[in-house]
Protein backbone atom coordinates (compact mmCIF):
# COMPACT_ATOMS: atom_id res chain seq x y z
CA MET A 1 167.67 61.35 -73.64
CA ALA A 2 164.22 61.46 -75.17
CA ALA A 3 163.57 59.25 -78.17
CA ASP A 4 162.86 60.81 -81.55
CA ARG A 5 159.10 60.72 -81.99
CA GLY A 6 158.91 62.42 -85.37
CA TYR A 7 157.15 59.32 -86.66
CA ILE A 8 154.01 60.29 -84.72
CA ALA A 9 153.20 63.31 -86.90
CA LEU A 10 153.94 61.32 -90.06
CA ASN A 11 151.67 58.49 -88.93
CA ASP A 12 148.94 60.95 -87.97
CA ALA A 13 149.03 62.60 -91.39
CA ALA A 14 148.98 59.29 -93.27
CA ARG A 15 146.16 57.96 -91.09
CA SER A 16 144.12 61.12 -91.74
CA ARG A 17 144.70 60.69 -95.46
CA LEU A 18 143.66 57.03 -95.21
CA ARG A 19 140.52 57.89 -93.25
CA ALA A 20 139.53 60.58 -95.77
CA LEU A 21 140.10 58.25 -98.72
CA VAL A 22 138.07 55.43 -97.19
CA ALA A 23 135.23 57.83 -96.36
CA ARG A 24 134.88 58.88 -99.98
CA LEU A 25 135.36 55.48 -101.65
CA THR A 26 132.25 53.97 -103.19
CA ASP A 27 131.67 50.24 -103.31
CA ALA A 28 132.64 50.38 -107.00
CA ASP A 29 135.89 52.13 -106.07
CA LEU A 30 136.70 49.46 -103.49
CA ALA A 31 136.15 46.72 -106.10
CA ARG A 32 138.30 48.47 -108.70
CA PRO A 33 141.13 46.30 -110.02
CA MET A 34 144.71 47.11 -109.10
CA PRO A 35 147.89 45.67 -110.62
CA ALA A 36 148.81 42.00 -110.08
CA GLY A 37 145.23 40.87 -109.40
CA TRP A 38 144.64 43.05 -106.35
CA THR A 39 141.67 45.38 -105.79
CA VAL A 40 141.53 48.70 -103.98
CA ALA A 41 139.94 46.98 -100.97
CA SER A 42 142.50 44.18 -100.87
CA VAL A 43 145.38 46.67 -101.09
CA LEU A 44 143.87 48.48 -98.12
CA ALA A 45 143.59 45.18 -96.24
CA HIS A 46 147.23 44.50 -97.13
CA VAL A 47 148.15 47.74 -95.35
CA ALA A 48 146.14 46.58 -92.33
CA PHE A 49 147.94 43.22 -92.37
CA TRP A 50 151.37 44.84 -92.10
CA ASP A 51 150.17 47.25 -89.40
CA GLN A 52 148.72 44.29 -87.49
CA ARG A 53 152.11 42.57 -87.72
CA ILE A 54 153.62 45.39 -85.67
CA LEU A 55 150.92 45.04 -83.02
CA VAL A 56 151.50 41.29 -82.71
CA LEU A 57 155.27 41.70 -82.49
CA LEU A 58 154.94 44.45 -79.87
CA ASP A 59 152.71 42.15 -77.80
CA ARG A 60 155.29 39.38 -78.01
CA TRP A 61 158.14 41.74 -77.19
CA GLU A 62 156.32 42.98 -74.09
CA GLN A 63 155.73 39.38 -72.97
CA THR A 64 159.39 38.48 -73.49
CA PRO A 65 161.37 41.74 -73.28
CA SER A 66 164.74 40.01 -73.62
CA THR A 67 163.86 38.73 -77.08
CA LEU A 68 163.99 41.24 -79.91
CA PRO A 69 161.23 41.06 -82.49
CA PRO A 70 162.35 39.72 -85.85
CA ALA A 71 163.21 42.16 -88.60
CA ILE A 72 161.42 41.80 -91.89
CA ASN A 73 163.36 39.51 -94.17
CA GLU A 74 163.02 41.33 -97.49
CA ALA A 75 163.30 37.99 -99.29
CA ASP A 76 160.05 36.91 -97.59
CA VAL A 77 157.94 39.98 -98.33
CA ASP A 78 156.78 38.92 -101.79
CA TRP A 79 155.72 35.43 -100.82
CA VAL A 80 153.98 36.72 -97.66
CA ASN A 81 152.07 39.24 -99.77
CA ASP A 82 151.22 36.56 -102.33
CA ALA A 83 150.11 34.14 -99.58
CA THR A 84 147.77 36.70 -98.03
CA LYS A 85 146.31 38.01 -101.30
CA ALA A 86 143.55 35.38 -101.68
CA LEU A 87 142.42 35.92 -98.08
CA LEU A 88 142.43 39.70 -98.45
CA LEU A 89 140.50 39.50 -101.72
CA ALA A 90 137.89 37.33 -99.96
CA MET A 91 137.14 40.02 -97.37
CA PRO A 92 134.01 42.08 -97.97
CA PRO A 93 135.43 45.25 -99.53
CA ARG A 94 133.79 47.78 -97.20
CA ARG A 95 134.82 45.73 -94.17
CA ALA A 96 138.40 45.57 -95.46
CA ALA A 97 138.47 49.37 -95.68
CA GLU A 98 137.00 49.77 -92.19
CA VAL A 99 139.47 47.29 -90.68
CA THR A 100 142.33 49.15 -92.32
CA VAL A 101 141.34 52.44 -90.69
CA ALA A 102 140.71 50.81 -87.31
CA THR A 103 144.03 48.97 -87.39
CA ALA A 104 145.88 52.15 -88.34
CA GLU A 105 144.28 53.95 -85.40
CA THR A 106 145.24 51.15 -83.01
CA VAL A 107 148.83 50.74 -84.17
CA ASP A 108 149.46 54.49 -84.32
CA ALA A 109 148.23 54.95 -80.76
CA ARG A 110 150.35 52.03 -79.62
CA VAL A 111 153.60 53.15 -81.24
CA ALA A 112 153.02 56.75 -80.09
CA ALA A 113 152.76 55.56 -76.48
CA LEU A 114 155.86 53.37 -76.46
CA PRO A 115 158.32 54.20 -73.70
CA ASP A 116 161.63 55.78 -74.65
CA ASP A 117 163.60 52.75 -73.44
CA LEU A 118 161.76 50.43 -75.84
CA LEU A 119 162.29 52.84 -78.73
CA ALA A 120 165.99 53.02 -77.84
CA ARG A 121 166.27 49.21 -77.71
CA ASN A 122 164.52 48.94 -81.08
CA LYS A 123 166.90 51.49 -82.58
CA ALA A 124 169.98 49.81 -81.07
CA ALA A 125 168.83 46.52 -82.62
CA GLY A 126 168.67 48.10 -86.08
CA SER A 127 164.97 49.02 -85.88
CA PRO A 128 163.42 45.62 -86.56
CA LEU A 129 160.06 47.28 -85.95
CA SER A 130 159.26 50.34 -88.04
CA MET A 131 157.35 52.84 -85.94
CA THR A 132 156.92 54.99 -89.05
CA ARG A 133 153.78 53.28 -90.33
CA SER A 134 153.15 56.18 -92.70
CA ALA A 135 155.69 55.12 -95.32
CA HIS A 136 153.91 51.90 -96.25
CA ARG A 137 150.49 53.56 -96.13
CA GLU A 138 151.54 56.49 -98.30
CA GLU A 139 153.01 54.15 -100.92
CA HIS A 140 149.71 52.30 -101.30
CA LEU A 141 147.51 55.37 -100.97
CA ASP A 142 149.45 56.89 -103.87
CA GLU A 143 148.88 53.71 -105.92
CA ILE A 144 145.17 53.67 -105.14
CA GLU A 145 144.72 57.33 -106.02
CA ARG A 146 146.55 56.81 -109.35
CA VAL A 147 144.21 53.92 -110.22
CA LEU A 148 141.14 55.90 -109.23
CA ARG A 149 142.23 58.86 -111.39
CA ALA A 150 142.81 56.64 -114.44
């Protein structure tokens, strides 16, 4: 039975939205403050960080197929985000935006090409890896657009 690949269209749409946003952002927009001490650029880099996590875990899973990748422990998300914030804020803003688009392109291509058996194993394990990268992107793109409209 073929795996559900509805996530591909969702990821494609969110990546297109991300690419269009980054293309129109000025340097001033990228430096614009966001809640909790973030900036537009660092929020974009945050999205790239979590997309990169999927790539790293997929690499490890392919190297050791018998070991499932770890699920996100929701209790750890806040401290991980807080721990990365200073590093993400230190990135040159334009570079952060470019890395975010490039990482989205890489992870989307990778999860779109996954074999059905791996998708089935991920699902059977409770989906420790979210192939639907769009949800996280859309959340932050909405936040960025609200800040830019204000």
